[in-house]
Amino acid sequence: MATVNTNAFEKAPPAPVTAALARYFHRNGCVRRQNARRLSREGYSRYKKGDEVRLTAQSPEELARIRRLLELAGFTPGQPFLKARQYRQPVYGREAVRRFLGLVEAERIAESGSRGD
């Protein structure tokens, strides 16, 4: 008999969490998609890059806020790293990227609707 899993991925995070993540993403976030052609050409043993969202923090304190927001939204943050004197916070996985972009897009639509655009 199957059980129903009611985890964080099945319900939407609180609106303030989604809004904050959308602001960080639109400020200077980016998405990396796996290159399917390269994967088929080189094989998984040589090409291991997958789908990823990266958010950028200006300080360790901001990085901690981003990590907390991701956790509240049901994401598992990857290991942060320093690049160009800024902190990068990745979120890995095709499903996580799809879900993150869906939340950000829904937030953009909600914002434009509330402004009457």
PDB file of N, CA and C in Angstrom:
ATOM      1  N   MET A   1       0.846  -1.181   0.000  1.00  0.00           N
ATOM      2  CA  MET A   1       0.000   0.000   0.000  1.00  0.00           C
ATOM      3  C   MET A   1       0.890   1.242   0.000  1.00  0.00           C
ATOM      4  N   ALA A   2       0.611   2.181  -0.903  1.00  0.00           N
ATOM      5  CA  ALA A   2       1.398   3.411  -1.011  1.00  0.00           C
ATOM      6  C   ALA A   2       0.998   4.393   0.084  1.00  0.00           C
ATOM      7  N   THR A   3       1.967   5.138   0.541  1.00  0.00           N
ATOM      8  CA  THR A   3       1.680   6.164   1.539  1.00  0.00           C
ATOM      9  C   THR A   3       1.753   7.527   0.882  1.00  0.00           C
ATOM     10  N   VAL A   4       1.032   8.475   1.414  1.00  0.00           N
ATOM     11  CA  VAL A   4       1.042   9.834   0.895  1.00  0.00           C
ATOM     12  C   VAL A   4       2.166  10.589   1.580  1.00  0.00           C
ATOM     13  N   ASN A   5       3.020  11.177   0.770  1.00  0.00           N
ATOM     14  CA  ASN A   5       4.138  11.954   1.292  1.00  0.00           C
ATOM     15  C   ASN A   5       3.768  13.436   1.228  1.00  0.00           C
ATOM     16  N   THR A   6       3.618  14.059   2.372  1.00  0.00           N
ATOM     17  CA  THR A   6       3.274  15.484   2.413  1.00  0.00           C
ATOM     18  C   THR A   6       4.505  16.282   2.820  1.00  0.00           C
ATOM     19  N   ASN A   7       5.477  16.330   1.933  1.00  0.00           N
ATOM     20  CA  ASN A   7       6.698  17.079   2.238  1.00  0.00           C
ATOM     21  C   ASN A   7       6.609  18.500   1.711  1.00  0.00           C
ATOM     22  N   ALA A   8       7.656  19.263   1.907  1.00  0.00           N
ATOM     23  CA  ALA A   8       7.679  20.676   1.543  1.00  0.00           C
ATOM     24  C   ALA A   8       7.544  20.900   0.040  1.00  0.00           C
ATOM     25  N   PHE A   9       7.865  19.900  -0.782  1.00  0.00           N
ATOM     26  CA  PHE A   9       7.784  20.081  -2.222  1.00  0.00           C
ATOM     27  C   PHE A   9       6.346  20.102  -2.713  1.00  0.00           C
ATOM     28  N   GLU A  10       5.406  19.613  -1.938  1.00  0.00           N
ATOM     29  CA  GLU A  10       4.030  19.514  -2.381  1.00  0.00           C
ATOM     30  C   GLU A  10       3.196  20.732  -2.027  1.00  0.00           C
ATOM     31  N   LYS A  11       3.665  21.588  -1.155  1.00  0.00           N
ATOM     32  CA  LYS A  11       2.900  22.788  -0.839  1.00  0.00           C
ATOM     33  C   LYS A  11       3.784  24.003  -1.079  1.00  0.00           C
ATOM     34  N   ALA A  12       3.136  25.074  -1.416  1.00  0.00           N
ATOM     35  CA  ALA A  12       3.866  26.299  -1.734  1.00  0.00           C
ATOM     36  C   ALA A  12       4.440  26.916  -0.467  1.00  0.00           C
ATOM     37  N   PRO A  13       5.644  27.479  -0.561  1.00  0.00           N
ATOM     38  CA  PRO A  13       6.213  28.165   0.602  1.00  0.00           C
ATOM     39  C   PRO A  13       5.461  29.468   0.873  1.00  0.00           C
ATOM     40  N   PRO A  14       5.644  30.035   2.053  1.00  0.00           N
ATOM     41  CA  PRO A  14       4.983  31.311   2.369  1.00  0.00           C
ATOM     42  C   PRO A  14       5.356  32.395   1.353  1.00  0.00           C
ATOM     43  N   ALA A  15       4.411  33.267   1.063  1.00  0.00           N
ATOM     44  CA  ALA A  15       4.622  34.325   0.065  1.00  0.00           C
ATOM     45  C   ALA A  15       5.853  35.193   0.353  1.00  0.00           C
ATOM     46  N   PRO A  16       6.128  35.585   1.605  1.00  0.00           N
ATOM     47  CA  PRO A  16       7.319  36.406   1.842  1.00  0.00           C
ATOM     48  C   PRO A  16       8.622  35.674   1.500  1.00  0.00           C
ATOM     49  N   VAL A  17       8.647  34.358   1.681  1.00  0.00           N
ATOM     50  CA  VAL A  17       9.830  33.561   1.354  1.00  0.00           C
ATOM     51  C   VAL A  17      10.032  33.554  -0.156  1.00  0.00           C
ATOM     52  N   THR A  18       8.959  33.294  -0.894  1.00  0.00           N
ATOM     53  CA  THR A  18       9.032  33.282  -2.357  1.00  0.00           C
ATOM     54  C   THR A  18       9.435  34.647  -2.887  1.00  0.00           C
ATOM     55  N   ALA A  19       8.864  35.709  -2.328  1.00  0.00           N
ATOM     56  CA  ALA A  19       9.190  37.068  -2.778  1.00  0.00           C
ATOM     57  C   ALA A  19      10.661  37.390  -2.543  1.00  0.00           C
ATOM     58  N   ALA A  20      11.194  37.015  -1.401  1.00  0.00           N
ATOM     59  CA  ALA A  20      12.599  37.289  -1.098  1.00  0.00           C
ATOM     60  C   ALA A  20      13.525  36.504  -2.028  1.00  0.00           C
ATOM     61  N   LEU A  21      13.215  35.226  -2.259  1.00  0.00           N
ATOM     62  CA  LEU A  21      14.031  34.428  -3.172  1.00  0.00           C
ATOM     63  C   LEU A  21      13.980  35.000  -4.592  1.00  0.00           C
ATOM     64  N   ALA A  22      12.804  35.445  -5.017  1.00  0.00           N
ATOM     65  CA  ALA A  22      12.671  36.039  -6.352  1.00  0.00           C
ATOM     66  C   ALA A  22      13.515  37.310  -6.467  1.00  0.00           C
ATOM     67  N   ARG A  23      13.531  38.139  -5.424  1.00  0.00           N
ATOM     68  CA  ARG A  23      14.354  39.361  -5.458  1.00  0.00           C
ATOM     69  C   ARG A  23      15.831  39.013  -5.586  1.00  0.00           C
ATOM     70  N   TYR A  24      16.308  38.033  -4.818  1.00  0.00           N
ATOM     71  CA  TYR A  24      17.714  37.632  -4.918  1.00  0.00           C
ATOM     72  C   TYR A  24      18.025  37.080  -6.309  1.00  0.00           C
ATOM     73  N   PHE A  25      17.113  36.276  -6.843  1.00  0.00           N
ATOM     74  CA  PHE A  25      17.354  35.686  -8.161  1.00  0.00           C
ATOM     75  C   PHE A  25      17.383  36.762  -9.246  1.00  0.00           C
ATOM     76  N   HIS A  26      16.425  37.679  -9.220  1.00  0.00           N
ATOM     77  CA  HIS A  26      16.362  38.718 -10.249  1.00  0.00           C
ATOM     78  C   HIS A  26      17.474  39.749 -10.101  1.00  0.00           C
ATOM     79  N   ARG A  27      18.023  39.895  -8.907  1.00  0.00           N
ATOM     80  CA  ARG A  27      19.129  40.833  -8.711  1.00  0.00           C
ATOM     81  C   ARG A  27      20.356  40.386  -9.492  1.00  0.00           C
ATOM     82  N   ASN A  28      20.781  39.157  -9.307  1.00  0.00           N
ATOM     83  CA  ASN A  28      21.944  38.670 -10.070  1.00  0.00           C
ATOM     84  C   ASN A  28      22.099  37.155  -9.977  1.00  0.00           C
ATOM     85  N   GLY A  29      20.984  36.445  -9.989  1.00  0.00           N
ATOM     86  CA  GLY A  29      21.035  34.994 -10.006  1.00  0.00           C
ATOM     87  C   GLY A  29      21.180  34.486 -11.428  1.00  0.00           C
ATOM     88  N   CYS A  30      21.452  33.210 -11.569  1.00  0.00           N
ATOM     89  CA  CYS A  30      21.552  32.621 -12.901  1.00  0.00           C
ATOM     90  C   CYS A  30      21.152  31.149 -12.850  1.00  0.00           C
ATOM     91  N   VAL A  31      20.910  30.593 -14.038  1.00  0.00           N
ATOM     92  CA  VAL A  31      20.536  29.185 -14.192  1.00  0.00           C
ATOM     93  C   VAL A  31      21.524  28.554 -15.156  1.00  0.00           C
ATOM     94  N   ARG A  32      21.974  27.368 -14.822  1.00  0.00           N
ATOM     95  CA  ARG A  32      22.807  26.591 -15.740  1.00  0.00           C
ATOM     96  C   ARG A  32      22.051  25.310 -16.045  1.00  0.00           C
ATOM     97  N   ARG A  33      21.893  25.028 -17.326  1.00  0.00           N
ATOM     98  CA  ARG A  33      21.221  23.803 -17.766  1.00  0.00           C
ATOM     99  C   ARG A  33      22.261  22.806 -18.248  1.00  0.00           C
ATOM    100  N   GLN A  34      21.959  21.543 -18.082  1.00  0.00           N
ATOM    101  CA  GLN A  34      22.845  20.497 -18.577  1.00  0.00           C
ATOM    102  C   GLN A  34      22.794  20.497 -20.101  1.00  0.00           C
ATOM    103  N   ASN A  35      23.952  20.380 -20.717  1.00  0.00           N
ATOM    104  CA  ASN A  35      24.059  20.344 -22.167  1.00  0.00           C
ATOM    105  C   ASN A  35      23.873  18.894 -22.621  1.00  0.00           C
ATOM    106  N   ALA A  36      22.687  18.588 -23.127  1.00  0.00           N
ATOM    107  CA  ALA A  36      22.355  17.202 -23.495  1.00  0.00           C
ATOM    108  C   ALA A  36      23.239  16.685 -24.619  1.00  0.00           C
ATOM    109  N   ARG A  37      23.564  17.552 -25.569  1.00  0.00           N
ATOM    110  CA  ARG A  37      24.423  17.127 -26.680  1.00  0.00           C
ATOM    111  C   ARG A  37      25.808  16.749 -26.179  1.00  0.00           C
ATOM    112  N   ARG A  38      26.348  17.592 -25.302  1.00  0.00           N
ATOM    113  CA  ARG A  38      27.680  17.300 -24.760  1.00  0.00           C
ATOM    114  C   ARG A  38      27.654  16.029 -23.906  1.00  0.00           C
ATOM    115  N   LEU A  39      26.595  15.856 -23.133  1.00  0.00           N
ATOM    116  CA  LEU A  39      26.467  14.656 -22.308  1.00  0.00           C
ATOM    117  C   LEU A  39      26.453  13.398 -23.180  1.00  0.00           C
ATOM    118  N   SER A  40      25.695  13.432 -24.269  1.00  0.00           N
ATOM    119  CA  SER A  40      25.638  12.245 -25.133  1.00  0.00           C
ATOM    120  C   SER A  40      26.959  12.022 -25.857  1.00  0.00           C
ATOM    121  N   ARG A  41      27.663  13.101 -26.177  1.00  0.00           N
ATOM    122  CA  ARG A  41      28.945  12.990 -26.874  1.00  0.00           C
ATOM    123  C   ARG A  41      30.053  12.487 -25.951  1.00  0.00           C
ATOM    124  N   GLU A  42      30.142  13.068 -24.737  1.00  0.00           N
ATOM    125  CA  GLU A  42      31.244  12.747 -23.824  1.00  0.00           C
ATOM    126  C   GLU A  42      30.905  11.644 -22.830  1.00  0.00           C
ATOM    127  N   GLY A  43      29.619  11.442 -22.566  1.00  0.00           N
ATOM    128  CA  GLY A  43      29.211  10.444 -21.582  1.00  0.00           C
ATOM    129  C   GLY A  43      29.297  10.992 -20.163  1.00  0.00           C
ATOM    130  N   TYR A  44      28.557  10.338 -19.254  1.00  0.00           N
ATOM    131  CA  TYR A  44      28.492  10.828 -17.878  1.00  0.00           C
ATOM    132  C   TYR A  44      29.826  10.750 -17.163  1.00  0.00           C
ATOM    133  N   SER A  45      30.675   9.815 -17.536  1.00  0.00           N
ATOM    134  CA  SER A  45      31.967   9.680 -16.837  1.00  0.00           C
ATOM    135  C   SER A  45      32.866  10.889 -17.075  1.00  0.00           C
ATOM    136  N   ARG A  46      32.642  11.648 -18.163  1.00  0.00           N
ATOM    137  CA  ARG A  46      33.479  12.817 -18.449  1.00  0.00           C
ATOM    138  C   ARG A  46      32.748  14.146 -18.251  1.00  0.00           C
ATOM    139  N   TYR A  47      31.443  14.171 -18.428  1.00  0.00           N
ATOM    140  CA  TYR A  47      30.658  15.408 -18.304  1.00  0.00           C
ATOM    141  C   TYR A  47      29.634  15.230 -17.200  1.00  0.00           C
ATOM    142  N   LYS A  48      29.914  15.798 -16.045  1.00  0.00           N
ATOM    143  CA  LYS A  48      29.062  15.574 -14.875  1.00  0.00           C
ATOM    144  C   LYS A  48      28.223  16.791 -14.488  1.00  0.00           C
ATOM    145  N   LYS A  49      28.308  17.866 -15.229  1.00  0.00           N
ATOM    146  CA  LYS A  49      27.541  19.052 -14.874  1.00  0.00           C
ATOM    147  C   LYS A  49      26.053  18.817 -15.112  1.00  0.00           C
ATOM    148  N   GLY A  50      25.247  19.283 -14.177  1.00  0.00           N
ATOM    149  CA  GLY A  50      23.803  19.130 -14.290  1.00  0.00           C
ATOM    150  C   GLY A  50      23.124  20.477 -14.197  1.00  0.00           C
ATOM    151  N   ASP A  51      21.828  20.485 -13.988  1.00  0.00           N
ATOM    152  CA  ASP A  51      21.063  21.720 -13.864  1.00  0.00           C
ATOM    153  C   ASP A  51      21.332  22.352 -12.499  1.00  0.00           C
ATOM    154  N   GLU A  52      21.345  23.681 -12.487  1.00  0.00           N
ATOM    155  CA  GLU A  52      21.706  24.401 -11.263  1.00  0.00           C
ATOM    156  C   GLU A  52      21.162  25.825 -11.300  1.00  0.00           C
ATOM    157  N   VAL A  53      20.695  26.305 -10.147  1.00  0.00           N
ATOM    158  CA  VAL A  53      20.371  27.716  -9.937  1.00  0.00           C
ATOM    159  C   VAL A  53      21.442  28.259  -9.018  1.00  0.00           C
ATOM    160  N   ARG A  54      21.936  29.464  -9.303  1.00  0.00           N
ATOM    161  CA  ARG A  54      22.904  30.118  -8.413  1.00  0.00           C
ATOM    162  C   ARG A  54      22.361  31.466  -7.971  1.00  0.00           C
ATOM    163  N   LEU A  55      22.379  31.669  -6.662  1.00  0.00           N
ATOM    164  CA  LEU A  55      22.033  32.964  -6.084  1.00  0.00           C
ATOM    165  C   LEU A  55      23.319  33.577  -5.550  1.00  0.00           C
ATOM    166  N   THR A  56      23.410  34.896  -5.575  1.00  0.00           N
ATOM    167  CA  THR A  56      24.621  35.588  -5.167  1.00  0.00           C
ATOM    168  C   THR A  56      24.362  36.423  -3.924  1.00  0.00           C
ATOM    169  N   ALA A  57      25.264  36.301  -2.953  1.00  0.00           N
ATOM    170  CA  ALA A  57      25.169  37.072  -1.708  1.00  0.00           C
ATOM    171  C   ALA A  57      26.367  38.023  -1.626  1.00  0.00           C
ATOM    172  N   GLN A  58      26.129  39.196  -1.077  1.00  0.00           N
ATOM    173  CA  GLN A  58      27.184  40.202  -0.950  1.00  0.00           C
ATOM    174  C   GLN A  58      27.999  40.029   0.330  1.00  0.00           C
ATOM    175  N   SER A  59      27.460  39.284   1.296  1.00  0.00           N
ATOM    176  CA  SER A  59      28.131  39.148   2.591  1.00  0.00           C
ATOM    177  C   SER A  59      27.791  37.780   3.186  1.00  0.00           C
ATOM    178  N   PRO A  60      28.556  37.357   4.195  1.00  0.00           N
ATOM    179  CA  PRO A  60      28.216  36.091   4.866  1.00  0.00           C
ATOM    180  C   PRO A  60      26.830  36.129   5.506  1.00  0.00           C
ATOM    181  N   GLU A  61      26.421  37.297   6.000  1.00  0.00           N
ATOM    182  CA  GLU A  61      25.110  37.431   6.619  1.00  0.00           C
ATOM    183  C   GLU A  61      24.001  37.250   5.582  1.00  0.00           C
ATOM    184  N   GLU A  62      24.191  37.845   4.413  1.00  0.00           N
ATOM    185  CA  GLU A  62      23.205  37.693   3.346  1.00  0.00           C
ATOM    186  C   GLU A  62      23.167  36.244   2.856  1.00  0.00           C
ATOM    187  N   LEU A  63      24.312  35.603   2.793  1.00  0.00           N
ATOM    188  CA  LEU A  63      24.378  34.188   2.418  1.00  0.00           C
ATOM    189  C   LEU A  63      23.566  33.341   3.400  1.00  0.00           C
ATOM    190  N   ALA A  64      23.704  33.612   4.681  1.00  0.00           N
ATOM    191  CA  ALA A  64      22.938  32.876   5.696  1.00  0.00           C
ATOM    192  C   ALA A  64      21.436  33.085   5.499  1.00  0.00           C
ATOM    193  N   ARG A  65      21.022  34.323   5.165  1.00  0.00           N
ATOM    194  CA  ARG A  65      19.603  34.602   4.899  1.00  0.00           C
ATOM    195  C   ARG A  65      19.105  33.806   3.694  1.00  0.00           C
ATOM    196  N   ILE A  66      19.901  33.786   2.619  1.00  0.00           N
ATOM    197  CA  ILE A  66      19.515  33.053   1.410  1.00  0.00           C
ATOM    198  C   ILE A  66      19.379  31.567   1.709  1.00  0.00           C
ATOM    199  N   ARG A  67      20.346  31.018   2.438  1.00  0.00           N
ATOM    200  CA  ARG A  67      20.298  29.591   2.771  1.00  0.00           C
ATOM    201  C   ARG A  67      19.046  29.270   3.602  1.00  0.00           C
ATOM    202  N   ARG A  68      18.713  30.127   4.543  1.00  0.00           N
ATOM    203  CA  ARG A  68      17.534  29.918   5.380  1.00  0.00           C
ATOM    204  C   ARG A  68      16.253  29.993   4.545  1.00  0.00           C
ATOM    205  N   LEU A  69      16.183  30.961   3.629  1.00  0.00           N
ATOM    206  CA  LEU A  69      15.012  31.084   2.761  1.00  0.00           C
ATOM    207  C   LEU A  69      14.845  29.837   1.889  1.00  0.00           C
ATOM    208  N   LEU A  70      15.954  29.339   1.345  1.00  0.00           N
ATOM    209  CA  LEU A  70      15.891  28.129   0.523  1.00  0.00           C
ATOM    210  C   LEU A  70      15.358  26.952   1.331  1.00  0.00           C
ATOM    211  N   GLU A  71      15.845  26.819   2.559  1.00  0.00           N
ATOM    212  CA  GLU A  71      15.383  25.724   3.416  1.00  0.00           C
ATOM    213  C   GLU A  71      13.897  25.874   3.743  1.00  0.00           C
ATOM    214  N   LEU A  72      13.459  27.104   4.021  1.00  0.00           N
ATOM    215  CA  LEU A  72      12.041  27.348   4.313  1.00  0.00           C
ATOM    216  C   LEU A  72      11.157  27.026   3.108  1.00  0.00           C
ATOM    217  N   ALA A  73      11.719  27.190   1.909  1.00  0.00           N
ATOM    218  CA  ALA A  73      10.976  26.902   0.684  1.00  0.00           C
ATOM    219  C   ALA A  73      11.051  25.430   0.298  1.00  0.00           C
ATOM    220  N   GLY A  74      11.774  24.631   1.080  1.00  0.00           N
ATOM    221  CA  GLY A  74      11.833  23.202   0.815  1.00  0.00           C
ATOM    222  C   GLY A  74      12.980  22.755  -0.071  1.00  0.00           C
ATOM    223  N   PHE A  75      13.959  23.640  -0.312  1.00  0.00           N
ATOM    224  CA  PHE A  75      15.115  23.288  -1.130  1.00  0.00           C
ATOM    225  C   PHE A  75      16.272  22.856  -0.242  1.00  0.00           C
ATOM    226  N   THR A  76      17.166  22.067  -0.806  1.00  0.00           N
ATOM    227  CA  THR A  76      18.394  21.683  -0.120  1.00  0.00           C
ATOM    228  C   THR A  76      19.530  22.494  -0.743  1.00  0.00           C
ATOM    229  N   PRO A  77      20.033  23.509  -0.041  1.00  0.00           N
ATOM    230  CA  PRO A  77      21.106  24.317  -0.612  1.00  0.00           C
ATOM    231  C   PRO A  77      22.385  23.494  -0.782  1.00  0.00           C
ATOM    232  N   GLY A  78      23.095  23.738  -1.881  1.00  0.00           N
ATOM    233  CA  GLY A  78      24.388  23.098  -2.085  1.00  0.00           C
ATOM    234  C   GLY A  78      25.453  23.799  -1.261  1.00  0.00           C
ATOM    235  N   GLN A  79      26.686  23.374  -1.438  1.00  0.00           N
ATOM    236  CA  GLN A  79      27.816  23.982  -0.729  1.00  0.00           C
ATOM    237  C   GLN A  79      28.095  25.362  -1.326  1.00  0.00           C
ATOM    238  N   PRO A  80      28.014  26.442  -0.545  1.00  0.00           N
ATOM    239  CA  PRO A  80      28.308  27.770  -1.085  1.00  0.00           C
ATOM    240  C   PRO A  80      29.799  27.912  -1.378  1.00  0.00           C
ATOM    241  N   PHE A  81      30.119  28.822  -2.272  1.00  0.00           N
ATOM    242  CA  PHE A  81      31.522  29.077  -2.608  1.00  0.00           C
ATOM    243  C   PHE A  81      31.716  30.551  -2.900  1.00  0.00           C
ATOM    244  N   LEU A  82      32.970  30.970  -2.840  1.00  0.00           N
ATOM    245  CA  LEU A  82      33.343  32.356  -3.068  1.00  0.00           C
ATOM    246  C   LEU A  82      33.825  32.515  -4.495  1.00  0.00           C
ATOM    247  N   LYS A  83      33.304  33.518  -5.207  1.00  0.00           N
ATOM    248  CA  LYS A  83      33.724  33.802  -6.575  1.00  0.00           C
ATOM    249  C   LYS A  83      33.600  35.303  -6.789  1.00  0.00           C
ATOM    250  N   ALA A  84      34.682  35.911  -7.257  1.00  0.00           N
ATOM    251  CA  ALA A  84      34.704  37.357  -7.533  1.00  0.00           C
ATOM    252  C   ALA A  84      34.271  38.165  -6.309  1.00  0.00           C
ATOM    253  N   ARG A  85      34.766  37.789  -5.149  1.00  0.00           N
ATOM    254  CA  ARG A  85      34.491  38.470  -3.878  1.00  0.00           C
ATOM    255  C   ARG A  85      33.017  38.499  -3.507  1.00  0.00           C
ATOM    256  N   GLN A  86      32.267  37.541  -4.031  1.00  0.00           N
ATOM    257  CA  GLN A  86      30.868  37.374  -3.675  1.00  0.00           C
ATOM    258  C   GLN A  86      30.632  35.904  -3.355  1.00  0.00           C
ATOM    259  N   TYR A  87      29.611  35.655  -2.575  1.00  0.00           N
ATOM    260  CA  TYR A  87      29.272  34.291  -2.192  1.00  0.00           C
ATOM    261  C   TYR A  87      28.226  33.754  -3.160  1.00  0.00           C
ATOM    262  N   ARG A  88      28.448  32.561  -3.680  1.00  0.00           N
ATOM    263  CA  ARG A  88      27.503  31.920  -4.596  1.00  0.00           C
ATOM    264  C   ARG A  88      26.835  30.763  -3.860  1.00  0.00           C
ATOM    265  N   GLN A  89      25.522  30.727  -3.943  1.00  0.00           N
ATOM    266  CA  GLN A  89      24.760  29.654  -3.315  1.00  0.00           C
ATOM    267  C   GLN A  89      24.052  28.850  -4.400  1.00  0.00           C
ATOM    268  N   PRO A  90      24.545  27.635  -4.671  1.00  0.00           N
ATOM    269  CA  PRO A  90      23.886  26.813  -5.692  1.00  0.00           C
ATOM    270  C   PRO A  90      22.742  25.982  -5.121  1.00  0.00           C
ATOM    271  N   VAL A  91      21.813  25.668  -6.013  1.00  0.00           N
ATOM    272  CA  VAL A  91      20.762  24.692  -5.758  1.00  0.00           C
ATOM    273  C   VAL A  91      20.825  23.743  -6.944  1.00  0.00           C
ATOM    274  N   TYR A  92      21.104  22.476  -6.679  1.00  0.00           N
ATOM    275  CA  TYR A  92      21.345  21.507  -7.741  1.00  0.00           C
ATOM    276  C   TYR A  92      20.139  20.626  -8.020  1.00  0.00           C
ATOM    277  N   GLY A  93      20.046  20.168  -9.261  1.00  0.00           N
ATOM    278  CA  GLY A  93      19.061  19.170  -9.641  1.00  0.00           C
ATOM    279  C   GLY A  93      18.010  19.716 -10.585  1.00  0.00           C
ATOM    280  N   ARG A  94      17.659  18.904 -11.572  1.00  0.00           N
ATOM    281  CA  ARG A  94      16.687  19.328 -12.580  1.00  0.00           C
ATOM    282  C   ARG A  94      15.336  19.659 -11.954  1.00  0.00           C
ATOM    283  N   GLU A  95      14.851  18.820 -11.056  1.00  0.00           N
ATOM    284  CA  GLU A  95      13.551  19.056 -10.434  1.00  0.00           C
ATOM    285  C   GLU A  95      13.586  20.301  -9.536  1.00  0.00           C
ATOM    286  N   ALA A  96      14.679  20.493  -8.796  1.00  0.00           N
ATOM    287  CA  ALA A  96      14.804  21.678  -7.935  1.00  0.00           C
ATOM    288  C   ALA A  96      14.844  22.954  -8.775  1.00  0.00           C
ATOM    289  N   VAL A  97      15.559  22.922  -9.890  1.00  0.00           N
ATOM    290  CA  VAL A  97      15.632  24.094 -10.777  1.00  0.00           C
ATOM    291  C   VAL A  97      14.246  24.388 -11.352  1.00  0.00           C
ATOM    292  N   ARG A  98      13.552  23.348 -11.812  1.00  0.00           N
ATOM    293  CA  ARG A  98      12.209  23.530 -12.364  1.00  0.00           C
ATOM    294  C   ARG A  98      11.275  24.151 -11.328  1.00  0.00           C
ATOM    295  N   ARG A  99      11.324  23.631 -10.119  1.00  0.00           N
ATOM    296  CA  ARG A  99      10.456  24.133  -9.050  1.00  0.00           C
ATOM    297  C   ARG A  99      10.823  25.569  -8.663  1.00  0.00           C
ATOM    298  N   PHE A 100      12.124  25.858  -8.550  1.00  0.00           N
ATOM    299  CA  PHE A 100      12.571  27.202  -8.197  1.00  0.00           C
ATOM    300  C   PHE A 100      12.105  28.215  -9.243  1.00  0.00           C
ATOM    301  N   LEU A 101      12.327  27.899 -10.518  1.00  0.00           N
ATOM    302  CA  LEU A 101      11.930  28.825 -11.577  1.00  0.00           C
ATOM    303  C   LEU A 101      10.417  29.004 -11.613  1.00  0.00           C
ATOM    304  N   GLY A 102       9.664  27.961 -11.292  1.00  0.00           N
ATOM    305  CA  GLY A 102       8.211  28.083 -11.206  1.00  0.00           C
ATOM    306  C   GLY A 102       7.787  29.038 -10.105  1.00  0.00           C
ATOM    307  N   LEU A 103       8.446  28.950  -8.958  1.00  0.00           N
ATOM    308  CA  LEU A 103       8.132  29.860  -7.851  1.00  0.00           C
ATOM    309  C   LEU A 103       8.462  31.303  -8.212  1.00  0.00           C
ATOM    310  N   VAL A 104       9.626  31.505  -8.829  1.00  0.00           N
ATOM    311  CA  VAL A 104      10.066  32.855  -9.192  1.00  0.00           C
ATOM    312  C   VAL A 104       9.127  33.449 -10.238  1.00  0.00           C
ATOM    313  N   GLU A 105       8.724  32.650 -11.220  1.00  0.00           N
ATOM    314  CA  GLU A 105       7.806  33.124 -12.258  1.00  0.00           C
ATOM    315  C   GLU A 105       6.439  33.445 -11.666  1.00  0.00           C
ATOM    316  N   ALA A 106       5.945  32.598 -10.777  1.00  0.00           N
ATOM    317  CA  ALA A 106       4.662  32.857 -10.131  1.00  0.00           C
ATOM    318  C   ALA A 106       4.720  34.154  -9.329  1.00  0.00           C
ATOM    319  N   GLU A 107       5.849  34.404  -8.682  1.00  0.00           N
ATOM    320  CA  GLU A 107       6.020  35.644  -7.915  1.00  0.00           C
ATOM    321  C   GLU A 107       6.016  36.852  -8.844  1.00  0.00           C
ATOM    322  N   ARG A 108       6.681  36.736  -9.997  1.00  0.00           N
ATOM    323  CA  ARG A 108       6.720  37.846 -10.964  1.00  0.00           C
ATOM    324  C   ARG A 108       5.299  38.156 -11.467  1.00  0.00           C
ATOM    325  N   ILE A 109       4.536  37.119 -11.757  1.00  0.00           N
ATOM    326  CA  ILE A 109       3.163  37.305 -12.234  1.00  0.00           C
ATOM    327  C   ILE A 109       2.310  37.947 -11.137  1.00  0.00           C
ATOM    328  N   ALA A 110       2.473  37.486  -9.904  1.00  0.00           N
ATOM    329  CA  ALA A 110       1.709  38.048  -8.785  1.00  0.00           C
ATOM    330  C   ALA A 110       2.056  39.517  -8.566  1.00  0.00           C
ATOM    331  N   GLU A 111       3.342  39.856  -8.680  1.00  0.00           N
ATOM    332  CA  GLU A 111       3.763  41.254  -8.517  1.00  0.00           C
ATOM    333  C   GLU A 111       3.190  42.131  -9.597  1.00  0.00           C
ATOM    334  N   SER A 112       3.250  41.694 -10.848  1.00  0.00           N
ATOM    335  CA  SER A 112       2.757  42.524 -11.940  1.00  0.00           C
ATOM    336  C   SER A 112       1.240  42.675 -11.851  1.00  0.00           C
ATOM    337  N   GLY A 113       0.536  41.645 -11.375  1.00  0.00           N
ATOM    338  CA  GLY A 113      -0.910  41.743 -11.202  1.00  0.00           C
ATOM    339  C   GLY A 113      -1.308  42.700 -10.104  1.00  0.00           C
ATOM    340  N   SER A 114      -0.510  42.747  -9.038  1.00  0.00           N
ATOM    341  CA  SER A 114      -0.842  43.636  -7.921  1.00  0.00           C
ATOM    342  C   SER A 114      -0.559  45.102  -8.252  1.00  0.00           C
ATOM    343  N   ARG A 115       0.308  45.344  -9.249  1.00  0.00           N
ATOM    344  CA  ARG A 115       0.604  46.711  -9.668  1.00  0.00           C
ATOM    345  C   ARG A 115      -0.342  47.182 -10.749  1.00  0.00           C
ATOM    346  N   GLY A 116      -1.144  46.253 -11.292  1.00  0.00           N
ATOM    347  CA  GLY A 116      -2.073  46.623 -12.356  1.00  0.00           C
ATOM    348  C   GLY A 116      -1.420  46.667 -13.731  1.00  0.00           C
ATOM    349  N   ASP A 117      -0.264  46.004 -13.899  1.00  0.00           N
ATOM    350  CA  ASP A 117       0.426  45.999 -15.201  1.00  0.00           C
ATOM    351  C   ASP A 117      -0.306  45.164 -16.221  1.00  0.00           C
TER     352      ASP A 117
END
